[in-house]
Each structure stands twice: as structure tokens, then as C-alpha cells.
């Protein structure tokens, strides 16, 4: 029971992000994922074509 009270007290002290902060973080994450995916697509396609030319 004491641990439940401690957990509740700890959650009350947490500084939760605002909706704006969450949206900005989500947007930055999505942009990074899209850029990384495009880079990997380009690298995979280029290397696949180069290997296809060699065989």
C-alpha cells in the first residue's frame, strides 16, 4: 500500500508536457522518420541497381 502512495505522489510531481510540446515532438519525429526512410529507399535502390549491373 505504501508503494502505491509513493507512486501516486511521484506522479503528482511529474512535469507533464503541454499539448503543444507533444505535437512539436511528434512532428519532429515524423520528419526524421520520413527523411530516414527516403534515404534508405534511395540507398537500397541505388545499390540494387549497381549490383544488378555487375551480375
C-alpha atoms as a PDB file:
ATOM      1  CA  UNK A   1       0.000   0.000   0.000  1.00  0.00           C
ATOM      2  CA  UNK A   2       2.867   2.349   0.789  1.00  0.00           C
ATOM      3  CA  UNK A   3       4.381   1.842  -2.645  1.00  0.00           C
ATOM      4  CA  UNK A   4       1.068   2.819  -4.245  1.00  0.00           C
ATOM      5  CA  UNK A   5       1.034   6.070  -2.259  1.00  0.00           C
ATOM      6  CA  UNK A   6       4.660   6.728  -3.207  1.00  0.00           C
ATOM      7  CA  UNK A   7       3.900   6.142  -6.877  1.00  0.00           C
ATOM      8  CA  UNK A   8       0.920   8.474  -6.745  1.00  0.00           C
ATOM      9  CA  UNK A   9       2.987  11.177  -5.028  1.00  0.00           C
ATOM     10  CA  UNK A  10       5.728  10.790  -7.633  1.00  0.00           C
ATOM     11  CA  UNK A  11       3.227  11.139 -10.490  1.00  0.00           C
ATOM     12  CA  UNK A  12       1.939  14.350  -8.924  1.00  0.00           C
ATOM     13  CA  UNK A  13       5.467  15.813  -9.077  1.00  0.00           C
ATOM     14  CA  UNK A  14       5.974  14.985 -12.751  1.00  0.00           C
ATOM     15  CA  UNK A  15       6.035  17.937 -15.122  1.00  0.00           C
ATOM     16  CA  UNK A  16       3.865  16.713 -17.967  1.00  0.00           C
ATOM     17  CA  UNK A  17       4.441  18.146 -21.461  1.00  0.00           C
ATOM     18  CA  UNK A  18       1.871  20.508 -22.891  1.00  0.00           C
ATOM     19  CA  UNK A  19      -0.174  19.556 -25.935  1.00  0.00           C
ATOM     20  CA  UNK A  20       1.946  21.965 -27.992  1.00  0.00           C
ATOM     21  CA  UNK A  21       5.187  20.264 -26.854  1.00  0.00           C
ATOM     22  CA  UNK A  22       3.800  16.823 -27.673  1.00  0.00           C
ATOM     23  CA  UNK A  23       2.720  17.956 -31.139  1.00  0.00           C
ATOM     24  CA  UNK A  24       6.124  19.532 -31.838  1.00  0.00           C
ATOM     25  CA  UNK A  25       7.964  16.402 -30.711  1.00  0.00           C
ATOM     26  CA  UNK A  26       5.678  14.195 -32.790  1.00  0.00           C
ATOM     27  CA  UNK A  27       6.189  16.389 -35.849  1.00  0.00           C
ATOM     28  CA  UNK A  28       9.977  16.343 -35.452  1.00  0.00           C
ATOM     29  CA  UNK A  29       9.918  12.559 -35.078  1.00  0.00           C
ATOM     30  CA  UNK A  30       7.776  12.088 -38.185  1.00  0.00           C
ATOM     31  CA  UNK A  31      10.018  14.367 -40.264  1.00  0.00           C
ATOM     32  CA  UNK A  32      13.112  12.441 -39.117  1.00  0.00           C
ATOM     33  CA  UNK A  33      11.479   9.079 -39.896  1.00  0.00           C
ATOM     34  CA  UNK A  34      10.401  10.231 -43.369  1.00  0.00           C
ATOM     35  CA  UNK A  35      13.866  11.597 -44.191  1.00  0.00           C
ATOM     36  CA  UNK A  36      15.497   8.379 -42.966  1.00  0.00           C
ATOM     37  CA  UNK A  37      13.049   6.237 -44.960  1.00  0.00           C
ATOM     38  CA  UNK A  38      13.711   8.232 -48.142  1.00  0.00           C
ATOM     39  CA  UNK A  39      17.473   7.929 -47.649  1.00  0.00           C
ATOM     40  CA  UNK A  40      17.224   4.161 -47.135  1.00  0.00           C
ATOM     41  CA  UNK A  41      14.967   3.826 -50.190  1.00  0.00           C
ATOM     42  CA  UNK A  42      17.475   5.759 -52.288  1.00  0.00           C
ATOM     43  CA  UNK A  43      20.444   3.753 -50.970  1.00  0.00           C
ATOM     44  CA  UNK A  44      18.670   0.414 -51.446  1.00  0.00           C
ATOM     45  CA  UNK A  45      17.550   1.250 -54.964  1.00  0.00           C
ATOM     46  CA  UNK A  46      20.950   2.574 -55.989  1.00  0.00           C
ATOM     47  CA  UNK A  47      22.876  -0.380 -54.560  1.00  0.00           C
ATOM     48  CA  UNK A  48      20.368  -2.829 -56.034  1.00  0.00           C
ATOM     49  CA  UNK A  49      20.786  -1.294 -59.473  1.00  0.00           C
ATOM     50  CA  UNK A  50      24.600  -1.308 -59.165  1.00  0.00           C
ATOM     51  CA  UNK A  51      24.644  -4.956 -58.131  1.00  0.00           C
ATOM     52  CA  UNK A  52      22.233  -5.745 -60.979  1.00  0.00           C
ATOM     53  CA  UNK A  53      24.647  -4.175 -63.440  1.00  0.00           C
ATOM     54  CA  UNK A  54      27.542  -6.235 -62.099  1.00  0.00           C
ATOM     55  CA  UNK A  55      25.771  -9.578 -62.445  1.00  0.00           C
END
